[in-house]
Amino acid sequence: MLDGRDEINLVKNVAPLRNVMLLGALIRRVTGRDEGMPGMACFHGFSGYGKSQAALYNTQATRACWVEVKSVWTRKTLVEKICKNLGIPSGRTVADSVEKIGEELLKSARPLLLDEAHILCTDSMMKLVHDIYESSHGASVILIGEESLPQSLVRWERVHNRILAWEQAQPADLRETSVFARLKCPELTLSQAVLEKTLVESQAVARRIVSNLNQVKDYARIEGKTEIGEKDIPHIRWMDGRAPAPRRIH
């Protein structure tokens, strides 16, 4: 458990927080599955929970092939990006590339992490994901995406019934807020009340916690302080994620 006293081990400045650990455990479960079991999994959660950072950490820790999908990509772009991240040349056609990807995943036993996988929820893209999985003879494929990704995948039975495990990304807690503070504000001492306020104002969203810690750092720099306590809380400009109200023109 990360209680603020544990040693923080980093891979390129990404702390092994709870969602990092959850995704790592999911990858190990799929790659270490019994013969004959399906080899796909789904890691899903709300925006800002740190899923992509979890993928980054586990990519470096496990030699996984991580591809962060973009909405403008075509089938050809997707297979080319996978080939590039696997370190192999792409084929002349999409079909050629699929075969090359399958062969490399089978040979290397590297898991394939497809991030922003909700973007792939179209007939043509899901059929391509299925083809890659089948061409690899059951390599480990992890789909990472929005909270509603499992419900979206129901539409494609040939993918859905190959999911070995579903894992939900979790909101941040006070322990993780403390870890973020040590990473982002190492020069500051923050009281328990400040950490609690940071978590509440951020709605337990990791991305917002980092933003609010930056607000704390700005306040400390302006005020010339190295210790921030409960009395400072009302003077910090907290970012709560709500849009500002429209102004009225008199």
Foldseek 3Di string as FASTA:
>chain_A
DQQLPDDFDDDVLQTCDDLLVQVLVVQCCLLVDDPPAFAEAEEAEAPQLCNVSSVVRVCVVQVAQEDEDDLPDDLVRVLCSSCVSLVHHADPDSVRSLLVLLCSCLVVLHEYEYAQCVSQLDPVSVVSVLSSCVSVVRRHYYYYHYPCVLVSCVVPCSVNVSHPYYHYRDFADLSVLSVLCCSQPVQAAEDSVRSVVLCVLQVSRNNLSNVQSVQVVVVCVVVVHRYDYPVCVVVGDHHNPDDDDDDDDD
